[in-house]
């Protein structure tokens, strides 16, 4: 840096950053837009899957259980683990 004023180098850095800023800003904006579009597409697919399932169009969905008959329903069996109380 012989023969150059001391503010020339910081000024060049500032000018370079100002020159590169629009390109960097555009790249960040594009990346953000791609991430948002991917998230929206995933939500849309999930919404369509749920709508298809609720409409009954899902071929892989299990058959609905008919709860209208008068057959008694037995309560679920609950098995509790043995408790070691140290006595």
N, C-alpha and C. Protein backbone atom coordinates (compact mmCIF):
# COMPACT_ATOMS: atom_id res chain seq x y z
N UNK A 1 0.81 -1.18 0.00
CA UNK A 1 0.00 0.00 0.00
C UNK A 1 0.86 1.25 0.00
N UNK A 2 1.96 1.18 -0.65
CA UNK A 2 2.83 2.34 -0.74
C UNK A 2 2.22 3.38 -1.67
N UNK A 3 2.17 4.59 -1.20
CA UNK A 3 1.71 5.68 -2.03
C UNK A 3 0.20 5.83 -2.09
N UNK A 4 -0.56 5.02 -1.38
CA UNK A 4 -2.02 5.17 -1.41
C UNK A 4 -2.50 5.78 -0.10
N UNK A 5 -3.49 6.61 -0.16
CA UNK A 5 -4.03 7.19 1.07
C UNK A 5 -4.64 6.09 1.94
N UNK A 6 -4.64 6.26 3.26
CA UNK A 6 -5.12 5.20 4.14
C UNK A 6 -6.61 4.87 3.99
N UNK A 7 -7.43 5.77 3.48
CA UNK A 7 -8.85 5.48 3.35
C UNK A 7 -9.21 4.82 2.02
N UNK A 8 -8.26 4.65 1.13
CA UNK A 8 -8.55 4.07 -0.18
C UNK A 8 -8.97 2.62 -0.05
N UNK A 9 -8.29 1.84 0.73
CA UNK A 9 -8.61 0.43 0.86
C UNK A 9 -9.98 0.21 1.51
N UNK A 10 -10.31 0.85 2.64
CA UNK A 10 -11.65 0.68 3.20
C UNK A 10 -12.74 1.19 2.26
N UNK A 11 -12.44 2.23 1.52
CA UNK A 11 -13.41 2.76 0.58
C UNK A 11 -13.67 1.75 -0.54
N UNK A 12 -12.61 1.10 -1.01
CA UNK A 12 -12.78 0.09 -2.05
C UNK A 12 -13.62 -1.09 -1.54
N UNK A 13 -13.39 -1.47 -0.31
CA UNK A 13 -14.17 -2.57 0.27
C UNK A 13 -15.64 -2.19 0.32
N UNK A 14 -15.92 -0.96 0.75
CA UNK A 14 -17.30 -0.49 0.82
C UNK A 14 -17.94 -0.46 -0.57
N UNK A 15 -17.21 0.06 -1.54
CA UNK A 15 -17.73 0.14 -2.91
C UNK A 15 -17.99 -1.26 -3.45
N UNK A 16 -17.09 -2.19 -3.18
CA UNK A 16 -17.27 -3.57 -3.65
C UNK A 16 -18.51 -4.20 -3.02
N UNK A 17 -18.69 -3.99 -1.71
CA UNK A 17 -19.87 -4.54 -1.04
C UNK A 17 -21.16 -3.93 -1.59
N UNK A 18 -21.16 -2.64 -1.82
CA UNK A 18 -22.33 -1.99 -2.39
C UNK A 18 -22.61 -2.48 -3.80
N UNK A 19 -21.56 -2.77 -4.55
CA UNK A 19 -21.70 -3.27 -5.91
C UNK A 19 -22.26 -4.70 -5.91
N UNK A 20 -21.83 -5.53 -4.96
CA UNK A 20 -22.24 -6.94 -4.91
C UNK A 20 -23.57 -7.15 -4.19
N UNK A 21 -24.06 -6.15 -3.47
CA UNK A 21 -25.26 -6.33 -2.66
C UNK A 21 -26.50 -6.75 -3.44
N UNK A 22 -26.81 -6.15 -4.60
CA UNK A 22 -28.03 -6.57 -5.31
C UNK A 22 -28.00 -8.04 -5.72
N UNK A 23 -26.85 -8.52 -6.14
CA UNK A 23 -26.74 -9.92 -6.56
C UNK A 23 -26.95 -10.84 -5.36
N UNK A 24 -26.28 -10.55 -4.26
CA UNK A 24 -26.42 -11.38 -3.07
C UNK A 24 -27.85 -11.34 -2.54
N UNK A 25 -28.46 -10.18 -2.55
CA UNK A 25 -29.83 -10.04 -2.08
C UNK A 25 -30.79 -10.85 -2.95
N UNK A 26 -30.58 -10.82 -4.26
CA UNK A 26 -31.43 -11.58 -5.19
C UNK A 26 -31.27 -13.08 -4.95
N UNK A 27 -30.06 -13.54 -4.70
CA UNK A 27 -29.83 -14.96 -4.45
C UNK A 27 -30.53 -15.42 -3.16
N UNK A 28 -30.47 -14.61 -2.13
CA UNK A 28 -31.15 -14.96 -0.87
C UNK A 28 -32.66 -14.96 -1.08
N UNK A 29 -33.17 -14.00 -1.82
CA UNK A 29 -34.61 -13.93 -2.07
C UNK A 29 -35.07 -15.15 -2.88
N UNK A 30 -34.29 -15.56 -3.86
CA UNK A 30 -34.64 -16.74 -4.65
C UNK A 30 -34.65 -17.99 -3.80
N UNK A 31 -33.68 -18.13 -2.93
CA UNK A 31 -33.62 -19.30 -2.05
C UNK A 31 -34.84 -19.32 -1.12
N UNK A 32 -35.17 -18.17 -0.54
CA UNK A 32 -36.34 -18.09 0.33
C UNK A 32 -37.62 -18.44 -0.42
N UNK A 33 -37.73 -17.99 -1.65
CA UNK A 33 -38.92 -18.29 -2.45
C UNK A 33 -38.99 -19.79 -2.77
N UNK A 34 -37.86 -20.41 -3.05
CA UNK A 34 -37.86 -21.85 -3.33
C UNK A 34 -38.26 -22.65 -2.09
N UNK A 35 -37.77 -22.26 -0.93
CA UNK A 35 -38.12 -22.95 0.32
C UNK A 35 -39.61 -22.79 0.59
N UNK A 36 -40.14 -21.60 0.40
CA UNK A 36 -41.56 -21.35 0.63
C UNK A 36 -42.42 -22.13 -0.36
N UNK A 37 -42.02 -22.19 -1.61
CA UNK A 37 -42.79 -22.93 -2.61
C UNK A 37 -42.80 -24.42 -2.28
N UNK A 38 -41.68 -24.95 -1.82
CA UNK A 38 -41.61 -26.36 -1.44
C UNK A 38 -42.53 -26.64 -0.26
N UNK A 39 -42.53 -25.77 0.74
CA UNK A 39 -43.40 -25.96 1.90
C UNK A 39 -44.87 -25.89 1.49
N UNK A 40 -45.21 -24.96 0.61
CA UNK A 40 -46.59 -24.84 0.14
C UNK A 40 -47.01 -26.09 -0.63
N UNK A 41 -46.13 -26.61 -1.45
CA UNK A 41 -46.44 -27.82 -2.22
C UNK A 41 -46.65 -29.01 -1.30
N UNK A 42 -45.82 -29.14 -0.27
CA UNK A 42 -45.98 -30.25 0.67
C UNK A 42 -47.31 -30.13 1.42
N UNK A 43 -47.67 -28.93 1.83
CA UNK A 43 -48.95 -28.74 2.52
C UNK A 43 -50.13 -29.04 1.59
N UNK A 44 -50.01 -28.64 0.33
CA UNK A 44 -51.08 -28.89 -0.64
C UNK A 44 -51.27 -30.39 -0.83
N UNK A 45 -50.16 -31.12 -0.96
CA UNK A 45 -50.24 -32.57 -1.14
C UNK A 45 -50.90 -33.22 0.08
N UNK A 46 -50.51 -32.79 1.27
CA UNK A 46 -51.09 -33.34 2.48
C UNK A 46 -52.58 -33.02 2.56
N UNK A 47 -52.95 -31.79 2.21
CA UNK A 47 -54.36 -31.40 2.22
C UNK A 47 -55.17 -32.25 1.26
N UNK A 48 -54.62 -32.50 0.07
CA UNK A 48 -55.32 -33.33 -0.92
C UNK A 48 -55.45 -34.77 -0.43
N UNK A 49 -54.42 -35.30 0.23
CA UNK A 49 -54.50 -36.65 0.78
C UNK A 49 -55.59 -36.74 1.83
N UNK A 50 -55.67 -35.76 2.71
CA UNK A 50 -56.69 -35.77 3.74
C UNK A 50 -58.08 -35.64 3.11
N UNK A 51 -58.21 -34.77 2.14
CA UNK A 51 -59.51 -34.60 1.48
C UNK A 51 -59.93 -35.89 0.78
N UNK A 52 -59.00 -36.56 0.11
CA UNK A 52 -59.31 -37.84 -0.54
C UNK A 52 -59.71 -38.89 0.48
N UNK A 53 -59.01 -38.93 1.59
CA UNK A 53 -59.33 -39.91 2.64
C UNK A 53 -60.72 -39.64 3.22
N UNK A 54 -61.00 -38.39 3.52
CA UNK A 54 -62.30 -38.06 4.09
C UNK A 54 -63.43 -38.27 3.09
N UNK A 55 -63.15 -38.13 1.81
CA UNK A 55 -64.16 -38.34 0.78
C UNK A 55 -64.36 -39.83 0.52
N UNK A 56 -63.48 -40.65 1.02
CA UNK A 56 -63.61 -42.09 0.81
C UNK A 56 -63.01 -42.56 -0.49
N UNK A 57 -62.23 -41.75 -1.13
CA UNK A 57 -61.63 -42.11 -2.40
C UNK A 57 -60.32 -42.87 -2.25
N UNK A 58 -59.84 -43.00 -1.03
CA UNK A 58 -58.55 -43.65 -0.80
C UNK A 58 -58.74 -45.16 -0.85
N UNK A 59 -58.18 -45.82 -1.84
CA UNK A 59 -58.33 -47.27 -2.01
C UNK A 59 -57.60 -48.04 -0.92
N UNK A 60 -56.55 -47.47 -0.36
CA UNK A 60 -55.77 -48.16 0.67
C UNK A 60 -56.33 -47.97 2.06
N UNK A 61 -57.35 -47.13 2.21
CA UNK A 61 -57.89 -46.85 3.54
C UNK A 61 -58.64 -48.07 4.06
N UNK A 62 -58.53 -48.35 5.35
CA UNK A 62 -59.27 -49.48 5.90
C UNK A 62 -60.77 -49.20 5.87
N UNK A 63 -61.55 -50.28 5.81
CA UNK A 63 -63.00 -50.12 5.79
C UNK A 63 -63.47 -49.52 7.11
N UNK A 64 -64.52 -48.75 7.04
CA UNK A 64 -65.07 -48.13 8.24
C UNK A 64 -65.76 -49.19 9.10
N UNK A 65 -65.71 -49.03 10.38
CA UNK A 65 -66.35 -49.94 11.31
C UNK A 65 -67.79 -49.49 11.51
N UNK A 66 -68.73 -50.44 11.39
CA UNK A 66 -70.13 -50.13 11.58
C UNK A 66 -70.45 -50.18 13.06
N UNK A 67 -70.74 -49.03 13.65
CA UNK A 67 -71.04 -48.95 15.07
C UNK A 67 -72.53 -48.84 15.35
N UNK A 68 -73.35 -49.07 14.34
CA UNK A 68 -74.78 -48.91 14.51
C UNK A 68 -75.47 -50.17 15.02
N UNK A 69 -74.82 -51.33 14.99
CA UNK A 69 -75.48 -52.55 15.47
C UNK A 69 -75.59 -52.52 17.00
N UNK A 70 -76.44 -53.37 17.53
CA UNK A 70 -76.70 -53.39 18.96
C UNK A 70 -75.84 -54.40 19.71
N UNK A 71 -74.81 -54.90 19.10
CA UNK A 71 -73.95 -55.88 19.77
C UNK A 71 -73.22 -55.20 20.91
N UNK A 72 -73.12 -55.90 22.05
CA UNK A 72 -72.40 -55.29 23.18
C UNK A 72 -70.92 -55.15 22.87
N UNK A 73 -70.37 -54.10 23.35
CA UNK A 73 -68.96 -53.84 23.16
C UNK A 73 -68.25 -54.11 24.47
N UNK A 74 -67.28 -55.00 24.44
CA UNK A 74 -66.57 -55.31 25.68
C UNK A 74 -65.52 -54.24 25.93
N UNK A 75 -65.32 -53.95 27.21
CA UNK A 75 -64.31 -52.93 27.53
C UNK A 75 -62.91 -53.46 27.25
N UNK A 76 -61.98 -52.58 26.99
CA UNK A 76 -60.61 -53.04 26.73
C UNK A 76 -60.01 -53.65 27.99
N UNK A 77 -59.16 -54.64 27.78
CA UNK A 77 -58.48 -55.30 28.88
C UNK A 77 -57.21 -54.54 29.17
N UNK A 78 -57.03 -54.14 30.44
CA UNK A 78 -55.85 -53.40 30.84
C UNK A 78 -55.02 -54.30 31.74
N UNK A 79 -53.78 -54.52 31.37
CA UNK A 79 -52.88 -55.35 32.15
C UNK A 79 -51.87 -54.41 32.82
N UNK A 80 -51.88 -54.43 34.14
CA UNK A 80 -50.97 -53.58 34.90
C UNK A 80 -49.71 -54.36 35.23
N UNK A 81 -48.55 -53.75 35.16
CA UNK A 81 -47.33 -54.46 35.50
C UNK A 81 -47.26 -54.70 37.01
N UNK A 82 -46.58 -55.78 37.36
CA UNK A 82 -46.42 -56.09 38.78
C UNK A 82 -45.54 -55.02 39.44
N UNK A 83 -45.90 -54.66 40.64
CA UNK A 83 -45.16 -53.61 41.36
C UNK A 83 -44.31 -54.27 42.44
N UNK A 84 -43.03 -54.04 42.38
CA UNK A 84 -42.14 -54.55 43.42
C UNK A 84 -42.01 -53.48 44.49
N UNK A 85 -42.58 -53.74 45.67
CA UNK A 85 -42.56 -52.71 46.70
C UNK A 85 -41.41 -52.91 47.69
N UNK A 86 -40.59 -53.94 47.52
CA UNK A 86 -39.41 -54.12 48.34
C UNK A 86 -39.71 -54.64 49.73
N UNK A 87 -40.87 -55.21 49.98
CA UNK A 87 -41.19 -55.75 51.31
C UNK A 87 -40.84 -57.20 51.41
